């Protein structure tokens, strides 16, 4: 098993555990950044089945939902930009519900996480 495959399996185990937890903790900025970075690097395409894509999509949807209120904060500079970011993220969440989980959707959600995290990472501390 390659190093990337091993990293993917460890990531998926941790994400599944978090998703199955009845009351998961709020995600950390590092968790969002690392998961989104892993998916955006292309290494997530080593996953082989729909369950793995679903795990990634559910987790990334959760992260996007946690990030949206922070982007709407009055402390975020550039309200027009923040409004557009939030609107695009909400549209993507709706599309994900309709289209279902896929690796393509996981990449789009990871991109949304990366974009939403950028203006708020300094404001939120360690946890969202």
N, C-alpha and C. Protein backbone atom coordinates (compact mmCIF):
# COMPACT_ATOMS: atom_id res chain seq x y z
N UNK A 1 0.85 -1.17 0.00
CA UNK A 1 0.00 0.00 0.00
C UNK A 1 0.89 1.24 0.00
N UNK A 2 0.61 2.16 -0.91
CA UNK A 2 1.43 3.36 -1.00
C UNK A 2 1.16 4.28 0.21
N UNK A 3 2.07 5.20 0.41
CA UNK A 3 1.95 6.14 1.52
C UNK A 3 0.66 6.96 1.41
N UNK A 4 0.32 7.41 0.19
CA UNK A 4 -0.90 8.19 -0.01
C UNK A 4 -2.15 7.35 0.29
N UNK A 5 -2.15 6.10 -0.13
CA UNK A 5 -3.28 5.21 0.15
C UNK A 5 -3.44 4.99 1.65
N UNK A 6 -2.33 4.83 2.32
CA UNK A 6 -2.36 4.65 3.76
C UNK A 6 -2.89 5.90 4.47
N UNK A 7 -2.44 7.07 4.02
CA UNK A 7 -2.94 8.33 4.57
C UNK A 7 -4.44 8.48 4.34
N UNK A 8 -4.89 8.11 3.14
CA UNK A 8 -6.31 8.19 2.83
C UNK A 8 -7.12 7.29 3.74
N UNK A 9 -6.65 6.05 3.95
CA UNK A 9 -7.39 5.13 4.81
C UNK A 9 -7.46 5.65 6.24
N UNK A 10 -6.37 6.19 6.75
CA UNK A 10 -6.39 6.76 8.11
C UNK A 10 -7.35 7.95 8.19
N UNK A 11 -7.33 8.78 7.17
CA UNK A 11 -8.23 9.93 7.13
C UNK A 11 -9.69 9.47 7.12
N UNK A 12 -10.00 8.50 6.27
CA UNK A 12 -11.37 8.01 6.17
C UNK A 12 -11.85 7.38 7.48
N UNK A 13 -10.99 6.64 8.15
CA UNK A 13 -11.35 6.03 9.44
C UNK A 13 -11.69 7.12 10.45
N UNK A 14 -10.86 8.15 10.52
CA UNK A 14 -11.09 9.25 11.46
C UNK A 14 -12.37 10.01 11.11
N UNK A 15 -12.60 10.25 9.83
CA UNK A 15 -13.80 10.97 9.41
C UNK A 15 -15.06 10.17 9.69
N UNK A 16 -15.03 8.86 9.42
CA UNK A 16 -16.19 8.01 9.72
C UNK A 16 -16.50 7.99 11.21
N UNK A 17 -15.45 7.88 12.01
CA UNK A 17 -15.63 7.87 13.46
C UNK A 17 -16.30 9.17 13.91
N UNK A 18 -15.87 10.28 13.35
CA UNK A 18 -16.44 11.57 13.70
C UNK A 18 -17.90 11.68 13.23
N UNK A 19 -18.19 11.18 12.03
CA UNK A 19 -19.55 11.23 11.51
C UNK A 19 -20.50 10.35 12.31
N UNK A 20 -20.01 9.22 12.79
CA UNK A 20 -20.86 8.28 13.53
C UNK A 20 -21.04 8.67 15.00
N UNK A 21 -20.21 9.57 15.47
CA UNK A 21 -20.32 10.05 16.84
C UNK A 21 -21.64 10.81 16.98
N UNK A 22 -22.40 10.50 18.02
CA UNK A 22 -23.71 11.11 18.23
C UNK A 22 -23.65 12.62 18.34
N UNK A 23 -22.64 13.13 18.99
CA UNK A 23 -22.49 14.59 19.14
C UNK A 23 -21.03 14.95 18.88
N UNK A 24 -20.66 15.00 17.62
CA UNK A 24 -19.25 15.28 17.29
C UNK A 24 -18.84 16.67 17.74
N UNK A 25 -17.57 16.80 18.07
CA UNK A 25 -17.03 18.10 18.43
C UNK A 25 -16.99 18.99 17.20
N UNK A 26 -16.97 20.28 17.46
CA UNK A 26 -16.82 21.21 16.35
C UNK A 26 -15.45 20.96 15.71
N UNK A 27 -15.38 21.02 14.40
CA UNK A 27 -14.10 20.75 13.74
C UNK A 27 -13.07 21.84 14.03
N UNK A 28 -11.83 21.43 14.01
CA UNK A 28 -10.76 22.40 14.19
C UNK A 28 -10.41 23.01 12.83
N UNK A 29 -9.81 24.17 12.88
CA UNK A 29 -9.34 24.81 11.66
C UNK A 29 -8.34 23.89 10.96
N UNK A 30 -7.48 23.25 11.74
CA UNK A 30 -6.48 22.34 11.18
C UNK A 30 -7.15 21.15 10.49
N UNK A 31 -8.21 20.61 11.08
CA UNK A 31 -8.90 19.47 10.47
C UNK A 31 -9.51 19.86 9.13
N UNK A 32 -10.14 21.03 9.08
CA UNK A 32 -10.74 21.51 7.83
C UNK A 32 -9.65 21.73 6.79
N UNK A 33 -8.59 22.41 7.19
CA UNK A 33 -7.49 22.71 6.26
C UNK A 33 -6.84 21.41 5.75
N UNK A 34 -6.58 20.47 6.65
CA UNK A 34 -5.91 19.23 6.25
C UNK A 34 -6.79 18.36 5.35
N UNK A 35 -8.06 18.22 5.70
CA UNK A 35 -8.96 17.40 4.89
C UNK A 35 -9.15 18.02 3.51
N UNK A 36 -9.41 19.33 3.47
CA UNK A 36 -9.59 20.01 2.18
C UNK A 36 -8.31 19.92 1.35
N UNK A 37 -7.17 20.12 1.99
CA UNK A 37 -5.90 20.05 1.27
C UNK A 37 -5.63 18.67 0.70
N UNK A 38 -5.99 17.63 1.46
CA UNK A 38 -5.79 16.27 1.00
C UNK A 38 -6.64 16.00 -0.25
N UNK A 39 -7.89 16.43 -0.20
CA UNK A 39 -8.79 16.21 -1.34
C UNK A 39 -8.31 17.04 -2.54
N UNK A 40 -7.97 18.30 -2.31
CA UNK A 40 -7.55 19.16 -3.41
C UNK A 40 -6.22 18.74 -4.03
N UNK A 41 -5.41 18.00 -3.27
CA UNK A 41 -4.12 17.54 -3.81
C UNK A 41 -4.30 16.42 -4.83
N UNK A 42 -5.51 15.87 -4.91
CA UNK A 42 -5.78 14.78 -5.85
C UNK A 42 -5.60 13.40 -5.25
N UNK A 43 -5.10 13.33 -4.03
CA UNK A 43 -4.85 12.02 -3.42
C UNK A 43 -6.14 11.30 -3.02
N UNK A 44 -7.24 12.03 -2.88
CA UNK A 44 -8.51 11.40 -2.52
C UNK A 44 -9.02 10.50 -3.64
N UNK A 45 -8.53 10.68 -4.85
CA UNK A 45 -8.97 9.84 -5.96
C UNK A 45 -8.44 8.41 -5.85
N UNK A 46 -7.59 8.16 -4.86
CA UNK A 46 -7.14 6.80 -4.60
C UNK A 46 -8.26 5.97 -3.97
N UNK A 47 -9.27 6.62 -3.45
CA UNK A 47 -10.41 5.91 -2.88
C UNK A 47 -11.12 5.15 -4.00
N UNK A 48 -11.69 4.03 -3.63
CA UNK A 48 -12.18 3.14 -4.67
C UNK A 48 -13.68 2.93 -4.71
N UNK A 49 -14.43 3.37 -3.70
CA UNK A 49 -15.86 3.08 -3.75
C UNK A 49 -16.69 4.29 -3.34
N UNK A 50 -17.99 4.17 -3.57
CA UNK A 50 -18.91 5.26 -3.28
C UNK A 50 -19.00 5.60 -1.80
N UNK A 51 -18.78 4.62 -0.94
CA UNK A 51 -18.83 4.87 0.50
C UNK A 51 -17.74 5.85 0.92
N UNK A 52 -16.58 5.71 0.31
CA UNK A 52 -15.48 6.62 0.63
C UNK A 52 -15.78 8.03 0.12
N UNK A 53 -16.38 8.14 -1.07
CA UNK A 53 -16.78 9.45 -1.59
C UNK A 53 -17.85 10.06 -0.70
N UNK A 54 -18.77 9.23 -0.23
CA UNK A 54 -19.83 9.73 0.65
C UNK A 54 -19.26 10.23 1.97
N UNK A 55 -18.30 9.52 2.53
CA UNK A 55 -17.66 9.96 3.77
C UNK A 55 -17.00 11.32 3.58
N UNK A 56 -16.28 11.47 2.49
CA UNK A 56 -15.63 12.76 2.21
C UNK A 56 -16.66 13.86 2.02
N UNK A 57 -17.70 13.59 1.25
CA UNK A 57 -18.72 14.62 0.98
C UNK A 57 -19.48 15.01 2.25
N UNK A 58 -19.89 14.03 3.04
CA UNK A 58 -20.62 14.35 4.28
C UNK A 58 -19.76 15.19 5.22
N UNK A 59 -18.50 14.83 5.33
CA UNK A 59 -17.61 15.58 6.20
C UNK A 59 -17.40 17.00 5.69
N UNK A 60 -17.13 17.12 4.41
CA UNK A 60 -16.88 18.44 3.84
C UNK A 60 -18.14 19.30 3.86
N UNK A 61 -19.32 18.71 3.69
CA UNK A 61 -20.58 19.46 3.83
C UNK A 61 -20.70 19.99 5.25
N UNK A 62 -20.38 19.15 6.20
CA UNK A 62 -20.42 19.56 7.61
C UNK A 62 -19.47 20.73 7.85
N UNK A 63 -18.29 20.65 7.30
CA UNK A 63 -17.31 21.73 7.46
C UNK A 63 -17.83 23.04 6.84
N UNK A 64 -18.40 22.94 5.65
CA UNK A 64 -18.94 24.13 4.98
C UNK A 64 -20.03 24.76 5.84
N UNK A 65 -20.90 23.93 6.41
CA UNK A 65 -21.99 24.44 7.25
C UNK A 65 -21.45 25.14 8.49
N UNK A 66 -20.35 24.65 9.04
CA UNK A 66 -19.74 25.31 10.19
C UNK A 66 -19.06 26.62 9.80
N UNK A 67 -18.52 26.69 8.59
CA UNK A 67 -17.79 27.87 8.15
C UNK A 67 -18.71 29.04 7.77
N UNK A 68 -19.88 28.74 7.23
CA UNK A 68 -20.77 29.79 6.71
C UNK A 68 -21.06 30.89 7.75
N UNK A 69 -21.47 30.56 8.98
CA UNK A 69 -21.76 31.64 9.93
C UNK A 69 -20.55 32.52 10.24
N UNK A 70 -19.37 31.95 10.20
CA UNK A 70 -18.17 32.74 10.47
C UNK A 70 -17.88 33.72 9.34
N UNK A 71 -18.16 33.31 8.12
CA UNK A 71 -17.95 34.21 6.98
C UNK A 71 -18.97 35.34 7.03
N UNK A 72 -20.15 35.08 7.60
CA UNK A 72 -21.17 36.11 7.71
C UNK A 72 -20.91 37.07 8.87
N UNK A 73 -19.89 36.84 9.64
CA UNK A 73 -19.54 37.68 10.77
C UNK A 73 -19.21 39.10 10.31
N UNK A 74 -19.60 40.10 11.11
CA UNK A 74 -19.26 41.48 10.72
C UNK A 74 -17.76 41.76 10.77
N UNK A 75 -17.00 40.86 11.36
CA UNK A 75 -15.55 41.05 11.44
C UNK A 75 -14.84 40.67 10.15
N UNK A 76 -15.55 39.99 9.25
CA UNK A 76 -14.95 39.63 7.96
C UNK A 76 -14.99 40.86 7.07
N UNK A 77 -13.84 41.21 6.55
CA UNK A 77 -13.72 42.39 5.71
C UNK A 77 -14.23 42.07 4.31
N UNK A 78 -14.95 42.99 3.72
CA UNK A 78 -15.43 42.80 2.35
C UNK A 78 -16.78 42.11 2.31
N UNK A 79 -17.82 42.78 2.76
CA UNK A 79 -19.14 42.15 2.85
C UNK A 79 -19.64 41.62 1.51
N UNK A 80 -19.40 42.33 0.43
CA UNK A 80 -19.87 41.85 -0.87
C UNK A 80 -19.24 40.50 -1.19
N UNK A 81 -17.96 40.41 -0.94
CA UNK A 81 -17.25 39.15 -1.17
C UNK A 81 -17.78 38.05 -0.25
N UNK A 82 -17.99 38.38 1.02
CA UNK A 82 -18.49 37.40 1.99
C UNK A 82 -19.88 36.92 1.58
N UNK A 83 -20.73 37.82 1.12
CA UNK A 83 -22.07 37.46 0.68
C UNK A 83 -22.00 36.47 -0.48
N UNK A 84 -21.15 36.76 -1.44
CA UNK A 84 -21.00 35.87 -2.60
C UNK A 84 -20.44 34.51 -2.20
N UNK A 85 -19.48 34.50 -1.28
CA UNK A 85 -18.91 33.23 -0.81
C UNK A 85 -19.99 32.37 -0.15
N UNK A 86 -20.78 32.99 0.71
CA UNK A 86 -21.83 32.26 1.42
C UNK A 86 -22.89 31.76 0.45
N UNK A 87 -23.28 32.62 -0.46
CA UNK A 87 -24.31 32.22 -1.43
C UNK A 87 -23.83 31.04 -2.30
N UNK A 88 -22.60 31.11 -2.75
CA UNK A 88 -22.04 30.02 -3.55
C UNK A 88 -21.95 28.73 -2.74
N UNK A 89 -21.55 28.84 -1.49
CA UNK A 89 -21.44 27.66 -0.62
C UNK A 89 -22.82 27.04 -0.39
N UNK A 90 -23.82 27.87 -0.16
CA UNK A 90 -25.18 27.35 0.06
C UNK A 90 -25.71 26.67 -1.20
N UNK A 91 -25.44 27.26 -2.36
CA UNK A 91 -25.85 26.64 -3.62
C UNK A 91 -25.16 25.29 -3.81
N UNK A 92 -23.89 25.23 -3.45
CA UNK A 92 -23.15 23.97 -3.57
C UNK A 92 -23.72 22.90 -2.63
N UNK A 93 -24.09 23.29 -1.42
CA UNK A 93 -24.70 22.33 -0.48
C UNK A 93 -26.01 21.79 -1.04
N UNK A 94 -26.83 22.65 -1.64
CA UNK A 94 -28.08 22.21 -2.26
C UNK A 94 -27.80 21.25 -3.41
N UNK A 95 -26.82 21.60 -4.22
CA UNK A 95 -26.46 20.74 -5.35
C UNK A 95 -25.98 19.38 -4.87
N UNK A 96 -25.22 19.36 -3.78
CA UNK A 96 -24.73 18.11 -3.22
C UNK A 96 -25.88 17.24 -2.75
N UNK A 97 -26.90 17.85 -2.13
CA UNK A 97 -28.08 17.10 -1.69
C UNK A 97 -28.79 16.47 -2.87
N UNK A 98 -28.91 17.21 -3.96
CA UNK A 98 -29.63 16.73 -5.13
C UNK A 98 -28.83 15.71 -5.93
N UNK A 99 -27.56 15.99 -6.14
CA UNK A 99 -26.73 15.13 -7.00
C UNK A 99 -26.16 13.93 -6.27
N UNK A 100 -25.99 14.05 -4.98
CA UNK A 100 -25.40 12.94 -4.21
C UNK A 100 -23.88 13.03 -4.17
N UNK A 101 -23.33 12.12 -3.40
CA UNK A 101 -21.88 12.10 -3.17
C UNK A 101 -21.12 11.57 -4.38
N UNK A 102 -20.00 12.22 -4.66
CA UNK A 102 -19.09 11.75 -5.70
C UNK A 102 -17.73 12.37 -5.40
N UNK A 103 -16.70 11.87 -6.04
CA UNK A 103 -15.38 12.45 -5.83
C UNK A 103 -15.32 13.85 -6.43
N UNK A 104 -16.02 14.06 -7.51
CA UNK A 104 -16.08 15.39 -8.12
C UNK A 104 -16.69 16.39 -7.13
N UNK A 105 -17.78 15.98 -6.47
CA UNK A 105 -18.43 16.85 -5.50
C UNK A 105 -17.53 17.07 -4.29
N UNK A 106 -16.79 16.05 -3.89
CA UNK A 106 -15.86 16.19 -2.76
C UNK A 106 -14.80 17.25 -3.07
N UNK A 107 -14.32 17.26 -4.30
CA UNK A 107 -13.31 18.26 -4.69
C UNK A 107 -13.93 19.66 -4.67
N UNK A 108 -15.15 19.79 -5.14
CA UNK A 108 -15.80 21.10 -5.13
C UNK A 108 -16.05 21.57 -3.70
N UNK A 109 -16.47 20.66 -2.82
CA UNK A 109 -16.69 21.01 -1.42
C UNK A 109 -15.38 21.37 -0.72
N UNK A 110 -14.32 20.65 -1.04
CA UNK A 110 -13.01 20.96 -0.47
C UNK A 110 -12.56 22.35 -0.91
N UNK A 111 -12.82 22.68 -2.16
CA UNK A 111 -12.50 24.02 -2.65
C UNK A 111 -13.30 25.09 -1.91
N UNK A 112 -14.56 24.79 -1.63
CA UNK A 112 -15.40 25.73 -0.87
C UNK A 112 -14.85 25.90 0.54
N UNK A 113 -14.45 24.80 1.18
CA UNK A 113 -13.86 24.88 2.53
C UNK A 113 -12.61 25.75 2.51
N UNK A 114 -11.78 25.51 1.54
CA UNK A 114 -10.52 26.28 1.42
C UNK A 114 -10.82 27.77 1.26
N UNK A 115 -11.77 28.08 0.40
CA UNK A 115 -12.12 29.48 0.13
C UNK A 115 -12.78 30.14 1.33
N UNK A 116 -13.69 29.42 2.00
CA UNK A 116 -14.38 29.98 3.16
C UNK A 116 -13.45 30.14 4.36
N UNK A 117 -12.51 29.24 4.48
CA UNK A 117 -11.61 29.28 5.63
C UNK A 117 -10.65 30.47 5.56
N UNK A 118 -10.31 30.85 4.35
CA UNK A 118 -9.32 31.91 4.17
C UNK A 118 -9.65 33.20 4.92
N UNK A 119 -10.87 33.77 4.79
CA UNK A 119 -11.12 35.04 5.48
C UNK A 119 -11.39 34.91 6.98
N UNK A 120 -11.63 33.70 7.48
CA UNK A 120 -12.02 33.57 8.89
C UNK A 120 -11.02 32.85 9.77
N UNK A 121 -10.00 32.25 9.20
CA UNK A 121 -9.10 31.41 10.00
C UNK A 121 -8.46 32.15 11.16
N UNK A 122 -8.16 33.42 10.98
CA UNK A 122 -7.56 34.20 12.06
C UNK A 122 -8.58 34.63 13.11
N UNK A 123 -9.86 34.67 12.72
CA UNK A 123 -10.91 35.14 13.63
C UNK A 123 -11.43 34.06 14.56
N UNK A 124 -11.38 32.79 14.13
CA UNK A 124 -12.08 31.75 14.87
C UNK A 124 -11.22 31.03 15.90
N UNK A 125 -9.94 31.23 15.90
CA UNK A 125 -9.09 30.47 16.81
C UNK A 125 -8.88 29.08 16.29
N UNK A 126 -8.90 28.09 17.18
CA UNK A 126 -8.63 26.72 16.78
C UNK A 126 -9.88 25.96 16.34
N UNK A 127 -11.01 26.22 16.98
CA UNK A 127 -12.25 25.50 16.67
C UNK A 127 -13.26 26.39 15.99
N UNK A 128 -14.02 25.81 15.07
CA UNK A 128 -15.08 26.58 14.37
C UNK A 128 -16.31 26.66 15.24
